[in-house]
C-alpha atoms as a PDB file:
ATOM      1  CA  MET A   1     272.489 222.981 154.927  1.00  0.00           C
ATOM      2  CA  ALA A   2     275.295 221.079 153.171  1.00  0.00           C
ATOM      3  CA  GLU A   3     275.900 221.558 149.481  1.00  0.00           C
ATOM      4  CA  PRO A   4     275.555 218.502 147.218  1.00  0.00           C
ATOM      5  CA  LYS A   5     278.928 216.817 146.629  1.00  0.00           C
ATOM      6  CA  THR A   6     278.418 216.531 142.888  1.00  0.00           C
ATOM      7  CA  GLN A   7     278.081 219.891 141.186  1.00  0.00           C
ATOM      8  CA  ARG A   8     278.667 221.278 137.722  1.00  0.00           C
ATOM      9  CA  THR A   9     282.330 222.151 137.143  1.00  0.00           C
ATOM     10  CA  GLY A  10     284.320 223.868 134.404  1.00  0.00           C
ATOM     11  CA  SER A  11     286.481 220.805 133.731  1.00  0.00           C
ATOM     12  CA  SER A  12     286.972 219.597 130.174  1.00  0.00           C
ATOM     13  CA  VAL A  13     284.574 216.861 129.037  1.00  0.00           C
ATOM     14  CA  ALA A  14     286.865 215.957 126.122  1.00  0.00           C
ATOM     15  CA  GLU A  15     289.854 215.511 128.440  1.00  0.00           C
ATOM     16  CA  PHE A  16     287.818 213.427 130.878  1.00  0.00           C
ATOM     17  CA  LEU A  17     286.531 211.110 128.141  1.00  0.00           C
ATOM     18  CA  ALA A  18     289.964 210.843 126.500  1.00  0.00           C
ATOM     19  CA  GLY A  19     291.353 209.748 129.862  1.00  0.00           C
ATOM     20  CA  VAL A  20     289.081 206.695 130.203  1.00  0.00           C
ATOM     21  CA  ALA A  21     291.559 203.811 130.452  1.00  0.00           C
ATOM     22  CA  ASP A  22     289.592 201.026 128.742  1.00  0.00           C
ATOM     23  CA  PRO A  23     289.553 201.687 124.969  1.00  0.00           C
ATOM     24  CA  ARG A  24     286.104 200.168 124.409  1.00  0.00           C
ATOM     25  CA  ARG A  25     284.549 202.001 127.356  1.00  0.00           C
ATOM     26  CA  ARG A  26     286.217 205.230 126.135  1.00  0.00           C
ATOM     27  CA  ALA A  27     284.786 204.798 122.620  1.00  0.00           C
ATOM     28  CA  ASP A  28     281.336 203.989 124.017  1.00  0.00           C
ATOM     29  CA  ALA A  29     281.418 207.032 126.310  1.00  0.00           C
ATOM     30  CA  GLN A  30     282.485 209.342 123.482  1.00  0.00           C
ATOM     31  CA  ALA A  31     279.767 207.933 121.196  1.00  0.00           C
ATOM     32  CA  ALA A  32     277.126 208.216 123.934  1.00  0.00           C
ATOM     33  CA  CYS A  33     278.210 211.788 124.649  1.00  0.00           C
ATOM     34  CA  ALA A  34     277.808 212.711 120.973  1.00  0.00           C
ATOM     35  CA  LEU A  35     274.421 210.943 120.806  1.00  0.00           C
ATOM     36  CA  ILE A  36     273.067 212.688 123.912  1.00  0.00           C
ATOM     37  CA  SER A  37     274.361 216.065 122.754  1.00  0.00           C
ATOM     38  CA  GLU A  38     272.641 215.567 119.393  1.00  0.00           C
ATOM     39  CA  VAL A  39     269.356 214.433 120.957  1.00  0.00           C
ATOM     40  CA  THR A  40     269.231 217.189 123.579  1.00  0.00           C
ATOM     41  CA  GLY A  41     270.830 220.016 121.628  1.00  0.00           C
ATOM     42  CA  GLU A  42     272.943 220.716 124.744  1.00  0.00           C
ATOM     43  CA  GLU A  43     276.693 220.943 125.147  1.00  0.00           C
ATOM     44  CA  PRO A  44     278.075 218.455 127.678  1.00  0.00           C
ATOM     45  CA  ALA A  45     279.389 219.679 131.021  1.00  0.00           C
ATOM     46  CA  MET A  46     281.302 217.920 133.778  1.00  0.00           C
ATOM     47  CA  TRP A  47     279.453 217.267 137.029  1.00  0.00           C
ATOM     48  CA  GLY A  48     281.917 216.351 139.724  1.00  0.00           C
ATOM     49  CA  THR A  49     284.913 214.369 138.547  1.00  0.00           C
ATOM     50  CA  ALA A  50     283.267 211.513 136.650  1.00  0.00           C
ATOM     51  CA  ILE A  51     279.837 212.476 135.272  1.00  0.00           C
ATOM     52  CA  VAL A  52     279.063 214.233 131.997  1.00  0.00           C
ATOM     53  CA  GLY A  53     275.729 216.052 132.166  1.00  0.00           C
ATOM     54  CA  PHE A  54     273.344 217.722 129.750  1.00  0.00           C
ATOM     55  CA  GLY A  55     270.839 220.398 130.688  1.00  0.00           C
ATOM     56  CA  THR A  56     269.719 221.144 134.230  1.00  0.00           C
ATOM     57  CA  TYR A  57     266.712 221.192 136.469  1.00  0.00           C
ATOM     58  CA  HIS A  58     266.161 222.628 139.913  1.00  0.00           C
ATOM     59  CA  TYR A  59     264.852 220.437 142.729  1.00  0.00           C
ATOM     60  CA  ARG A  60     263.251 221.548 145.957  1.00  0.00           C
ATOM     61  CA  TYR A  61     262.368 219.238 148.848  1.00  0.00           C
ATOM     62  CA  ALA A  62     259.780 219.891 151.565  1.00  0.00           C
ATOM     63  CA  THR A  63     262.679 219.966 154.043  1.00  0.00           C
ATOM     64  CA  GLY A  64     263.993 223.113 152.373  1.00  0.00           C
ATOM     65  CA  ARG A  65     266.903 221.392 150.678  1.00  0.00           C
ATOM     66  CA  GLU A  66     267.269 222.412 147.055  1.00  0.00           C
ATOM     67  CA  GLY A  67     269.787 222.454 144.256  1.00  0.00           C
ATOM     68  CA  ASP A  68     270.460 221.882 140.595  1.00  0.00           C
ATOM     69  CA  TRP A  69     271.095 218.601 138.801  1.00  0.00           C
ATOM     70  CA  MET A  70     271.592 217.460 135.241  1.00  0.00           C
ATOM     71  CA  ALA A  71     268.530 216.440 133.233  1.00  0.00           C
ATOM     72  CA  VAL A  72     270.453 213.537 131.654  1.00  0.00           C
ATOM     73  CA  GLY A  73     274.052 212.403 131.869  1.00  0.00           C
ATOM     74  CA  LEU A  74     276.567 209.601 131.517  1.00  0.00           C
ATOM     75  CA  SER A  75     279.554 208.110 133.249  1.00  0.00           C
ATOM     76  CA  PRO A  76     281.951 205.478 131.878  1.00  0.00           C
ATOM     77  CA  ARG A  77     282.046 203.315 135.007  1.00  0.00           C
ATOM     78  CA  LYS A  78     284.251 200.240 135.232  1.00  0.00           C
ATOM     79  CA  GLN A  79     281.392 197.716 135.110  1.00  0.00           C
ATOM     80  CA  ALA A  80     279.132 199.489 132.605  1.00  0.00           C
ATOM     81  CA  LEU A  81     278.398 202.707 130.796  1.00  0.00           C
ATOM     82  CA  THR A  82     275.958 204.438 133.119  1.00  0.00           C
ATOM     83  CA  LEU A  83     273.340 206.759 131.656  1.00  0.00           C
ATOM     84  CA  TYR A  84     271.601 209.017 134.145  1.00  0.00           C
ATOM     85  CA  VAL A  85     267.992 209.720 133.274  1.00  0.00           C
ATOM     86  CA  SER A  86     266.874 211.653 136.312  1.00  0.00           C
ATOM     87  CA  ALA A  87     263.188 211.436 135.372  1.00  0.00           C
ATOM     88  CA  GLY A  88     263.390 207.644 135.784  1.00  0.00           C
ATOM     89  CA  PHE A  89     261.860 204.901 133.667  1.00  0.00           C
ATOM     90  CA  ASP A  90     258.276 204.666 134.881  1.00  0.00           C
ATOM     91  CA  GLY A  91     256.034 204.334 131.858  1.00  0.00           C
ATOM     92  CA  TYR A  92     258.810 203.226 129.508  1.00  0.00           C
ATOM     93  CA  ALA A  93     258.609 199.437 129.855  1.00  0.00           C
ATOM     94  CA  ASP A  94     257.884 199.104 126.127  1.00  0.00           C
ATOM     95  CA  LEU A  95     261.036 201.041 125.183  1.00  0.00           C
ATOM     96  CA  LEU A  96     263.189 199.221 127.717  1.00  0.00           C
ATOM     97  CA  ALA A  97     261.944 195.879 126.363  1.00  0.00           C
ATOM     98  CA  ARG A  98     263.161 196.888 122.899  1.00  0.00           C
ATOM     99  CA  LEU A  99     266.448 198.467 124.017  1.00  0.00           C
ATOM    100  CA  GLY A 100     268.626 195.368 124.246  1.00  0.00           C
ATOM    101  CA  PRO A 101     270.787 194.107 127.120  1.00  0.00           C
ATOM    102  CA  HIS A 102     270.737 196.536 130.048  1.00  0.00           C
ATOM    103  CA  SER A 103     269.815 196.929 133.680  1.00  0.00           C
ATOM    104  CA  THR A 104     268.296 199.861 135.509  1.00  0.00           C
ATOM    105  CA  GLY A 105     268.370 201.579 138.857  1.00  0.00           C
ATOM    106  CA  LYS A 106     265.992 204.328 139.960  1.00  0.00           C
ATOM    107  CA  GLY A 107     267.338 206.863 137.469  1.00  0.00           C
ATOM    108  CA  CYS A 108     270.259 204.921 135.972  1.00  0.00           C
ATOM    109  CA  LEU A 109     270.503 202.829 132.838  1.00  0.00           C
ATOM    110  CA  TYR A 110     273.481 200.445 132.775  1.00  0.00           C
ATOM    111  CA  VAL A 111     274.790 199.236 129.410  1.00  0.00           C
ATOM    112  CA  LYS A 112     277.776 196.907 129.025  1.00  0.00           C
ATOM    113  CA  ARG A 113     278.310 197.695 125.322  1.00  0.00           C
ATOM    114  CA  LEU A 114     276.722 200.537 123.420  1.00  0.00           C
ATOM    115  CA  SER A 115     276.754 198.446 120.235  1.00  0.00           C
ATOM    116  CA  ASP A 116     274.442 195.878 121.905  1.00  0.00           C
ATOM    117  CA  VAL A 117     271.545 198.308 122.336  1.00  0.00           C
ATOM    118  CA  ASP A 118     269.124 199.749 119.788  1.00  0.00           C
ATOM    119  CA  GLU A 119     270.321 203.305 119.168  1.00  0.00           C
ATOM    120  CA  SER A 120     266.906 204.596 118.109  1.00  0.00           C
ATOM    121  CA  VAL A 121     265.350 203.332 121.353  1.00  0.00           C
ATOM    122  CA  LEU A 122     268.192 204.857 123.377  1.00  0.00           C
ATOM    123  CA  ARG A 123     267.639 208.180 121.608  1.00  0.00           C
ATOM    124  CA  GLU A 124     263.949 208.042 122.491  1.00  0.00           C
ATOM    125  CA  LEU A 125     264.640 207.299 126.174  1.00  0.00           C
ATOM    126  CA  VAL A 126     267.118 210.185 126.360  1.00  0.00           C
ATOM    127  CA  ALA A 127     264.714 212.552 124.607  1.00  0.00           C
ATOM    128  CA  HIS A 128     261.850 211.689 126.965  1.00  0.00           C
ATOM    129  CA  GLY A 129     264.014 211.991 130.072  1.00  0.00           C
ATOM    130  CA  PHE A 130     265.461 215.300 128.946  1.00  0.00           C
ATOM    131  CA  ALA A 131     262.090 216.809 128.010  1.00  0.00           C
ATOM    132  CA  ALA A 132     260.598 215.752 131.354  1.00  0.00           C
ATOM    133  CA  LEU A 133     263.085 217.788 133.409  1.00  0.00           C
ATOM    134  CA  ASN A 134     265.253 220.241 131.532  1.00  0.00           C
ATOM    135  CA  GLY A 135     264.721 223.813 132.665  1.00  0.00           C
ATOM    136  CA  ARG A 136     262.068 222.877 135.221  1.00  0.00           C
ATOM    137  CA  THR A 137     261.760 223.141 138.960  1.00  0.00           C
ATOM    138  CA  ILE A 138     260.667 219.920 140.627  1.00  0.00           C
ATOM    139  CA  SER A 139     259.174 219.844 144.117  1.00  0.00           C
ATOM    140  CA  ALA A 140     259.572 216.543 145.903  1.00  0.00           C
ATOM    141  CA  GLU A 141     258.400 215.142 149.221  1.00  0.00           C
END
């Protein structure tokens, strides 16, 4: 069975974030990294070449495929700062309504500017997502 393409690496998070070309996106990514580290109590680690992750969980599918993934993470993408909340956003409509301008994917939260969102709400979303998965083994269909 093939290994997942994105895995935890030993690359430097600080160097990766310092290398983000857009100054505003770089500042947002560094601030988000500090916020997530504070909320989770975890040191950031690089996952692949462009994702900063915090904590881990183990997943196991009925097909036999399994692996490890970050509980929460971030990536300073060109279009938006992407926050990965692997647990998803089901049950958090009230928090998302109070967050400020954003969009979501299945487990991704997209924010154009960190200063446009409510930091306390963001902290709560990160805390919930991290607590739901960190250190656990998840069996999926």
